[in-house]
C-alpha cells in the first residue's frame, strides 16, 4: 500500500446503504421489508450483468426501476409505494462512519474518487444530499463506457484519467464480485465485509478485509 496514489470507492453498498430506502418505509411494508430490500438489490445486480452480456444496455436508474417493479410484485407491495421508494433511493443514507473517514482521507495526499454503476445524476445527488460534494476529486460512472462492472473497461476509467498504474489504486467495495473484478484487473482491492460474509471463488483473494471504512486508515 506504500505506492497508493488514488483511493477509489464503490458507491452502492460500500459508502451508501442500499437497504435504507426500504428501511425508511418499514412501517408500511412490515416485517418483510428487509427480505424485499435484499431481493430488490439482488435483482438490480442481476439485471446489470445480464444486460452487459446481452449488450442491451439501460442506465442504472432504469435498471433500478425495472428491478423494483419485479420486487414489488414478488413481495406483493402496493404499487402506490413505487414513487416513494424510488425517491428514497436517490438519497440513500451513508453508513455511519463514512463521512468522518472520507473527511480524514481528504486531508491526505490521495486522489479520492467514486467508481460506480450509478448514473452521473444519481451519484451527484447522493453525494450532495449527504454533504459530501467537496470530498471527491472525481465521480466516475460506468456510463462513460456503456457497460457494467465487472467489465475491465470500467476499472480502466480512473487509470486513464489519472495516468497511473493499476497497482497504485486502492479500491474498496462491499461487493465480493466487485472486489474480484477490480483485483483481477490489477487494483489493490479491499473488501468491506460489513456482514461477515464468505468471499467468492473468482480467482482473486483480497489481502485486506475490513469491517468498516474506519479500518482503512490503519491499512494506509
C-alpha atoms as a PDB file:
ATOM      1  CA  UNK A   1       0.000   0.000   0.000  1.00  0.00           C
ATOM      2  CA  UNK A   2       3.016   2.331   0.033  1.00  0.00           C
ATOM      3  CA  UNK A   3       2.638   3.224  -3.640  1.00  0.00           C
ATOM      4  CA  UNK A   4      -1.051   4.188  -3.474  1.00  0.00           C
ATOM      5  CA  UNK A   5      -1.912   7.383  -5.339  1.00  0.00           C
ATOM      6  CA  UNK A   6      -5.692   7.021  -5.642  1.00  0.00           C
ATOM      7  CA  UNK A   7      -8.343   5.632  -3.307  1.00  0.00           C
ATOM      8  CA  UNK A   8     -11.432   4.655  -5.240  1.00  0.00           C
ATOM      9  CA  UNK A   9     -14.726   3.643  -3.690  1.00  0.00           C
ATOM     10  CA  UNK A  10     -17.697   1.734  -4.947  1.00  0.00           C
ATOM     11  CA  UNK A  11     -20.855   3.648  -4.005  1.00  0.00           C
ATOM     12  CA  UNK A  12     -23.818   1.315  -3.537  1.00  0.00           C
ATOM     13  CA  UNK A  13     -23.409  -0.954  -0.527  1.00  0.00           C
ATOM     14  CA  UNK A  14     -19.955   0.431   0.239  1.00  0.00           C
ATOM     15  CA  UNK A  15     -20.472   4.121   1.000  1.00  0.00           C
ATOM     16  CA  UNK A  16     -24.270   4.172   0.900  1.00  0.00           C
ATOM     17  CA  UNK A  17     -26.716   1.703   2.440  1.00  0.00           C
ATOM     18  CA  UNK A  18     -28.810   0.247  -0.383  1.00  0.00           C
ATOM     19  CA  UNK A  19     -31.374  -1.057   2.114  1.00  0.00           C
ATOM     20  CA  UNK A  20     -32.023   2.343   3.663  1.00  0.00           C
ATOM     21  CA  UNK A  21     -34.792   3.239   1.187  1.00  0.00           C
ATOM     22  CA  UNK A  22     -36.895   0.219   2.152  1.00  0.00           C
ATOM     23  CA  UNK A  23     -35.962   0.583   5.823  1.00  0.00           C
ATOM     24  CA  UNK A  24     -37.448   4.072   5.905  1.00  0.00           C
ATOM     25  CA  UNK A  25     -40.720   2.511   4.734  1.00  0.00           C
ATOM     26  CA  UNK A  26     -40.669  -0.497   7.066  1.00  0.00           C
ATOM     27  CA  UNK A  27     -43.745   0.695   8.963  1.00  0.00           C
ATOM     28  CA  UNK A  28     -45.718   0.480   5.720  1.00  0.00           C
ATOM     29  CA  UNK A  29     -44.026  -2.635   4.296  1.00  0.00           C
ATOM     30  CA  UNK A  30     -43.966  -4.585   7.551  1.00  0.00           C
ATOM     31  CA  UNK A  31     -41.619  -7.351   8.664  1.00  0.00           C
ATOM     32  CA  UNK A  32     -40.844  -8.350   5.078  1.00  0.00           C
ATOM     33  CA  UNK A  33     -39.072  -5.050   4.381  1.00  0.00           C
ATOM     34  CA  UNK A  34     -35.563  -6.491   4.706  1.00  0.00           C
ATOM     35  CA  UNK A  35     -36.248  -9.510   2.511  1.00  0.00           C
ATOM     36  CA  UNK A  36     -37.805  -7.184  -0.032  1.00  0.00           C
ATOM     37  CA  UNK A  37     -34.805  -4.818   0.099  1.00  0.00           C
ATOM     38  CA  UNK A  38     -32.341  -7.668  -0.428  1.00  0.00           C
ATOM     39  CA  UNK A  39     -34.403  -9.075  -3.302  1.00  0.00           C
ATOM     40  CA  UNK A  40     -34.566  -5.650  -4.962  1.00  0.00           C
ATOM     41  CA  UNK A  41     -30.783  -5.295  -4.712  1.00  0.00           C
ATOM     42  CA  UNK A  42     -30.087  -8.828  -5.984  1.00  0.00           C
ATOM     43  CA  UNK A  43     -32.447  -8.368  -8.941  1.00  0.00           C
ATOM     44  CA  UNK A  44     -30.899  -4.993  -9.724  1.00  0.00           C
ATOM     45  CA  UNK A  45     -27.404  -6.520  -9.895  1.00  0.00           C
ATOM     46  CA  UNK A  46     -28.582  -9.483 -11.944  1.00  0.00           C
ATOM     47  CA  UNK A  47     -30.108  -7.106 -14.481  1.00  0.00           C
ATOM     48  CA  UNK A  48     -26.820  -5.189 -14.818  1.00  0.00           C
ATOM     49  CA  UNK A  49     -24.887  -8.383 -15.524  1.00  0.00           C
ATOM     50  CA  UNK A  50     -27.491  -9.790 -17.898  1.00  0.00           C
ATOM     51  CA  UNK A  51     -27.763  -6.550 -19.842  1.00  0.00           C
ATOM     52  CA  UNK A  52     -23.986  -6.397 -20.172  1.00  0.00           C
ATOM     53  CA  UNK A  53     -23.892  -9.953 -21.508  1.00  0.00           C
ATOM     54  CA  UNK A  54     -26.823  -9.336 -23.873  1.00  0.00           C
ATOM     55  CA  UNK A  55     -25.351  -5.975 -24.942  1.00  0.00           C
ATOM     56  CA  UNK A  56     -28.723  -4.373 -24.220  1.00  0.00           C
ATOM     57  CA  UNK A  57     -27.621  -1.502 -22.024  1.00  0.00           C
ATOM     58  CA  UNK A  58     -30.018   0.507 -19.901  1.00  0.00           C
ATOM     59  CA  UNK A  59     -28.735   3.052 -17.437  1.00  0.00           C
ATOM     60  CA  UNK A  60     -28.709   2.251 -13.722  1.00  0.00           C
ATOM     61  CA  UNK A  61     -31.811   4.269 -12.906  1.00  0.00           C
ATOM     62  CA  UNK A  62     -33.906   2.373 -15.461  1.00  0.00           C
ATOM     63  CA  UNK A  63     -32.471  -0.913 -14.152  1.00  0.00           C
ATOM     64  CA  UNK A  64     -33.358   0.190 -10.621  1.00  0.00           C
ATOM     65  CA  UNK A  65     -36.933   0.907 -11.704  1.00  0.00           C
ATOM     66  CA  UNK A  66     -37.271  -2.418 -13.535  1.00  0.00           C
ATOM     67  CA  UNK A  67     -35.895  -4.405 -10.616  1.00  0.00           C
ATOM     68  CA  UNK A  68     -38.163  -2.559  -8.186  1.00  0.00           C
ATOM     69  CA  UNK A  69     -41.239  -3.383 -10.263  1.00  0.00           C
ATOM     70  CA  UNK A  70     -40.405  -7.083 -10.194  1.00  0.00           C
ATOM     71  CA  UNK A  71     -39.611  -6.997  -6.472  1.00  0.00           C
ATOM     72  CA  UNK A  72     -42.844  -5.233  -5.577  1.00  0.00           C
ATOM     73  CA  UNK A  73     -44.841  -7.850  -7.464  1.00  0.00           C
ATOM     74  CA  UNK A  74     -42.896 -10.685  -5.856  1.00  0.00           C
ATOM     75  CA  UNK A  75     -43.406  -9.312  -2.332  1.00  0.00           C
ATOM     76  CA  UNK A  76     -46.941  -8.080  -3.047  1.00  0.00           C
ATOM     77  CA  UNK A  77     -46.213  -4.493  -2.089  1.00  0.00           C
ATOM     78  CA  UNK A  78     -48.831  -1.929  -3.067  1.00  0.00           C
ATOM     79  CA  UNK A  79     -47.883  -0.122  -6.281  1.00  0.00           C
ATOM     80  CA  UNK A  80     -48.735   3.210  -4.646  1.00  0.00           C
ATOM     81  CA  UNK A  81     -45.373   2.987  -2.819  1.00  0.00           C
ATOM     82  CA  UNK A  82     -43.315   2.890  -6.011  1.00  0.00           C
ATOM     83  CA  UNK A  83     -42.563   6.601  -6.288  1.00  0.00           C
ATOM     84  CA  UNK A  84     -41.789   6.910  -2.578  1.00  0.00           C
ATOM     85  CA  UNK A  85     -39.270   4.080  -2.736  1.00  0.00           C
ATOM     86  CA  UNK A  86     -37.635   5.498  -5.850  1.00  0.00           C
ATOM     87  CA  UNK A  87     -37.366   8.970  -4.331  1.00  0.00           C
ATOM     88  CA  UNK A  88     -35.737   7.498  -1.226  1.00  0.00           C
ATOM     89  CA  UNK A  89     -33.288   5.526  -3.376  1.00  0.00           C
ATOM     90  CA  UNK A  90     -31.973   8.806  -4.765  1.00  0.00           C
ATOM     91  CA  UNK A  91     -30.961   9.916  -1.260  1.00  0.00           C
ATOM     92  CA  UNK A  92     -29.703   6.695   0.324  1.00  0.00           C
ATOM     93  CA  UNK A  93     -28.083   7.122   3.723  1.00  0.00           C
ATOM     94  CA  UNK A  94     -24.323   6.654   4.130  1.00  0.00           C
ATOM     95  CA  UNK A  95     -23.004   4.109   6.608  1.00  0.00           C
ATOM     96  CA  UNK A  96     -22.355   5.892   9.881  1.00  0.00           C
ATOM     97  CA  UNK A  97     -18.549   6.037   9.740  1.00  0.00           C
ATOM     98  CA  UNK A  98     -18.341   7.125   6.095  1.00  0.00           C
ATOM     99  CA  UNK A  99     -18.448  10.951   6.375  1.00  0.00           C
ATOM    100  CA  UNK A 100     -15.769  11.124   9.083  1.00  0.00           C
ATOM    101  CA  UNK A 101     -13.420   8.694   7.324  1.00  0.00           C
ATOM    102  CA  UNK A 102     -13.756  10.461   3.985  1.00  0.00           C
ATOM    103  CA  UNK A 103     -13.026  13.831   5.573  1.00  0.00           C
ATOM    104  CA  UNK A 104      -9.918  12.382   7.213  1.00  0.00           C
ATOM    105  CA  UNK A 105      -8.705  10.980   3.898  1.00  0.00           C
ATOM    106  CA  UNK A 106      -9.318  14.309   2.201  1.00  0.00           C
ATOM    107  CA  UNK A 107      -6.574  15.803   4.372  1.00  0.00           C
ATOM    108  CA  UNK A 108      -4.032  13.317   2.991  1.00  0.00           C
ATOM    109  CA  UNK A 109      -2.271  13.275  -0.368  1.00  0.00           C
ATOM    110  CA  UNK A 110      -4.523  10.902  -2.292  1.00  0.00           C
ATOM    111  CA  UNK A 111      -6.865  11.241  -5.211  1.00  0.00           C
ATOM    112  CA  UNK A 112     -10.329  10.298  -3.904  1.00  0.00           C
ATOM    113  CA  UNK A 113     -12.972   9.066  -6.314  1.00  0.00           C
ATOM    114  CA  UNK A 114     -16.146   7.047  -6.690  1.00  0.00           C
ATOM    115  CA  UNK A 115     -16.373   4.380  -9.412  1.00  0.00           C
ATOM    116  CA  UNK A 116     -19.953   3.195  -9.700  1.00  0.00           C
ATOM    117  CA  UNK A 117     -22.672   1.617 -11.804  1.00  0.00           C
ATOM    118  CA  UNK A 118     -24.813   4.659 -10.998  1.00  0.00           C
ATOM    119  CA  UNK A 119     -25.559   7.406 -13.488  1.00  0.00           C
ATOM    120  CA  UNK A 120     -23.755  10.742 -13.035  1.00  0.00           C
ATOM    121  CA  UNK A 121     -27.003  12.425 -11.983  1.00  0.00           C
ATOM    122  CA  UNK A 122     -27.774   9.743  -9.371  1.00  0.00           C
ATOM    123  CA  UNK A 123     -24.275   9.800  -7.927  1.00  0.00           C
ATOM    124  CA  UNK A 124     -24.097  13.579  -7.773  1.00  0.00           C
ATOM    125  CA  UNK A 125     -27.438  13.723  -5.968  1.00  0.00           C
ATOM    126  CA  UNK A 126     -26.333  11.047  -3.495  1.00  0.00           C
ATOM    127  CA  UNK A 127     -23.130  12.906  -2.710  1.00  0.00           C
ATOM    128  CA  UNK A 128     -24.870  16.268  -2.436  1.00  0.00           C
ATOM    129  CA  UNK A 129     -27.745  15.033  -0.250  1.00  0.00           C
ATOM    130  CA  UNK A 130     -25.210  13.650   2.225  1.00  0.00           C
ATOM    131  CA  UNK A 131     -22.993  16.777   2.284  1.00  0.00           C
ATOM    132  CA  UNK A 132     -20.033  15.018   0.657  1.00  0.00           C
ATOM    133  CA  UNK A 133     -19.715  17.092  -2.509  1.00  0.00           C
ATOM    134  CA  UNK A 134     -16.358  18.635  -1.535  1.00  0.00           C
ATOM    135  CA  UNK A 135     -14.691  15.288  -0.793  1.00  0.00           C
ATOM    136  CA  UNK A 136     -14.099  13.641  -4.154  1.00  0.00           C
ATOM    137  CA  UNK A 137     -11.754  14.614  -6.950  1.00  0.00           C
ATOM    138  CA  UNK A 138     -13.912  12.689  -9.408  1.00  0.00           C
ATOM    139  CA  UNK A 139     -17.132  10.712  -9.589  1.00  0.00           C
ATOM    140  CA  UNK A 140     -16.770   8.088 -12.311  1.00  0.00           C
ATOM    141  CA  UNK A 141     -19.823   6.384 -13.816  1.00  0.00           C
ATOM    142  CA  UNK A 142     -19.940   3.279 -15.986  1.00  0.00           C
ATOM    143  CA  UNK A 143     -21.994   5.371 -18.404  1.00  0.00           C
ATOM    144  CA  UNK A 144     -18.640   6.569 -19.781  1.00  0.00           C
ATOM    145  CA  UNK A 145     -18.133   3.119 -21.323  1.00  0.00           C
ATOM    146  CA  UNK A 146     -21.727   1.830 -21.527  1.00  0.00           C
ATOM    147  CA  UNK A 147     -21.169  -1.477 -19.752  1.00  0.00           C
ATOM    148  CA  UNK A 148     -21.487  -2.507 -16.108  1.00  0.00           C
ATOM    149  CA  UNK A 149     -18.956  -3.775 -13.601  1.00  0.00           C
ATOM    150  CA  UNK A 150     -17.069  -6.050 -13.512  1.00  0.00           C
ATOM    151  CA  UNK A 151     -16.102  -5.344 -17.135  1.00  0.00           C
ATOM    152  CA  UNK A 152     -12.461  -4.254 -17.274  1.00  0.00           C
ATOM    153  CA  UNK A 153     -13.440  -1.166 -19.300  1.00  0.00           C
ATOM    154  CA  UNK A 154     -14.991   0.227 -16.128  1.00  0.00           C
ATOM    155  CA  UNK A 155     -11.892  -0.256 -13.977  1.00  0.00           C
ATOM    156  CA  UNK A 156      -9.827   1.338 -16.733  1.00  0.00           C
ATOM    157  CA  UNK A 157     -11.653   4.693 -16.407  1.00  0.00           C
ATOM    158  CA  UNK A 158      -9.685   6.141 -13.445  1.00  0.00           C
ATOM    159  CA  UNK A 159      -6.400   4.696 -14.724  1.00  0.00           C
ATOM    160  CA  UNK A 160      -6.776   6.709 -17.916  1.00  0.00           C
ATOM    161  CA  UNK A 161      -7.940   9.803 -16.045  1.00  0.00           C
ATOM    162  CA  UNK A 162      -5.067   9.856 -13.554  1.00  0.00           C
ATOM    163  CA  UNK A 163      -2.371   8.302 -15.779  1.00  0.00           C
ATOM    164  CA  UNK A 164      -1.318   5.892 -13.019  1.00  0.00           C
ATOM    165  CA  UNK A 165      -0.610   2.174 -12.756  1.00  0.00           C
ATOM    166  CA  UNK A 166      -3.274  -0.289 -11.620  1.00  0.00           C
ATOM    167  CA  UNK A 167      -1.256  -1.204  -8.517  1.00  0.00           C
ATOM    168  CA  UNK A 168      -1.300   2.454  -7.442  1.00  0.00           C
ATOM    169  CA  UNK A 169      -5.032   2.207  -6.755  1.00  0.00           C
ATOM    170  CA  UNK A 170      -6.661   1.122  -3.503  1.00  0.00           C
ATOM    171  CA  UNK A 171     -10.173   0.050  -4.449  1.00  0.00           C
ATOM    172  CA  UNK A 172     -12.843  -0.527  -1.827  1.00  0.00           C
ATOM    173  CA  UNK A 173     -16.097  -2.375  -2.283  1.00  0.00           C
ATOM    174  CA  UNK A 174     -18.533  -4.294  -0.116  1.00  0.00           C
ATOM    175  CA  UNK A 175     -19.499  -6.416  -3.127  1.00  0.00           C
ATOM    176  CA  UNK A 176     -17.314  -9.522  -3.444  1.00  0.00           C
ATOM    177  CA  UNK A 177     -17.759  -9.725  -7.217  1.00  0.00           C
ATOM    178  CA  UNK A 178     -16.615  -6.089  -7.484  1.00  0.00           C
ATOM    179  CA  UNK A 179     -13.599  -6.718  -5.250  1.00  0.00           C
ATOM    180  CA  UNK A 180     -12.681  -9.645  -7.509  1.00  0.00           C
ATOM    181  CA  UNK A 181     -13.312  -7.604 -10.641  1.00  0.00           C
ATOM    182  CA  UNK A 182     -11.037  -4.806  -9.501  1.00  0.00           C
ATOM    183  CA  UNK A 183      -8.453  -7.228  -8.107  1.00  0.00           C
ATOM    184  CA  UNK A 184      -8.246  -9.291 -11.272  1.00  0.00           C
ATOM    185  CA  UNK A 185      -7.856  -6.043 -13.201  1.00  0.00           C
ATOM    186  CA  UNK A 186      -4.842  -5.128 -11.073  1.00  0.00           C
ATOM    187  CA  UNK A 187      -6.152  -2.911  -8.287  1.00  0.00           C
ATOM    188  CA  UNK A 188      -5.265  -3.387  -4.640  1.00  0.00           C
ATOM    189  CA  UNK A 189      -8.814  -4.370  -3.771  1.00  0.00           C
ATOM    190  CA  UNK A 190     -10.033  -4.153  -0.184  1.00  0.00           C
ATOM    191  CA  UNK A 191     -13.181  -5.965   0.867  1.00  0.00           C
ATOM    192  CA  UNK A 192     -15.514  -4.016   3.162  1.00  0.00           C
ATOM    193  CA  UNK A 193     -17.174  -7.011   4.802  1.00  0.00           C
ATOM    194  CA  UNK A 194     -19.850  -5.375   6.944  1.00  0.00           C
ATOM    195  CA  UNK A 195     -21.981  -8.505   7.353  1.00  0.00           C
ATOM    196  CA  UNK A 196     -19.329 -11.170   7.996  1.00  0.00           C
ATOM    197  CA  UNK A 197     -19.994 -12.859   4.660  1.00  0.00           C
ATOM    198  CA  UNK A 198     -17.957 -15.505   2.803  1.00  0.00           C
ATOM    199  CA  UNK A 199     -15.808 -14.404  -0.124  1.00  0.00           C
ATOM    200  CA  UNK A 200     -16.449 -15.737  -3.632  1.00  0.00           C
ATOM    201  CA  UNK A 201     -14.173 -18.088  -5.579  1.00  0.00           C
ATOM    202  CA  UNK A 202     -13.373 -15.826  -8.526  1.00  0.00           C
ATOM    203  CA  UNK A 203      -9.592 -16.120  -8.932  1.00  0.00           C
ATOM    204  CA  UNK A 204      -8.812 -13.300  -6.525  1.00  0.00           C
ATOM    205  CA  UNK A 205      -8.369 -13.111  -2.781  1.00  0.00           C
ATOM    206  CA  UNK A 206      -8.007  -9.623  -1.273  1.00  0.00           C
ATOM    207  CA  UNK A 207      -5.045  -9.061   1.024  1.00  0.00           C
ATOM    208  CA  UNK A 208      -7.153  -6.832   3.226  1.00  0.00           C
ATOM    209  CA  UNK A 209     -10.631  -7.331   4.631  1.00  0.00           C
ATOM    210  CA  UNK A 210     -12.187  -4.705   6.889  1.00  0.00           C
ATOM    211  CA  UNK A 211     -15.406  -4.476   8.866  1.00  0.00           C
ATOM    212  CA  UNK A 212     -15.968  -0.817   8.024  1.00  0.00           C
ATOM    213  CA  UNK A 213     -14.124   2.085   6.434  1.00  0.00           C
ATOM    214  CA  UNK A 214     -12.600   3.135   9.741  1.00  0.00           C
ATOM    215  CA  UNK A 215     -10.065   0.317   9.389  1.00  0.00           C
ATOM    216  CA  UNK A 216      -8.855   1.757   6.078  1.00  0.00           C
ATOM    217  CA  UNK A 217      -6.914   4.427   7.935  1.00  0.00           C
ATOM    218  CA  UNK A 218      -4.923   1.713   9.706  1.00  0.00           C
ATOM    219  CA  UNK A 219      -4.050  -0.028   6.427  1.00  0.00           C
ATOM    220  CA  UNK A 220      -2.881   3.159   4.742  1.00  0.00           C
END
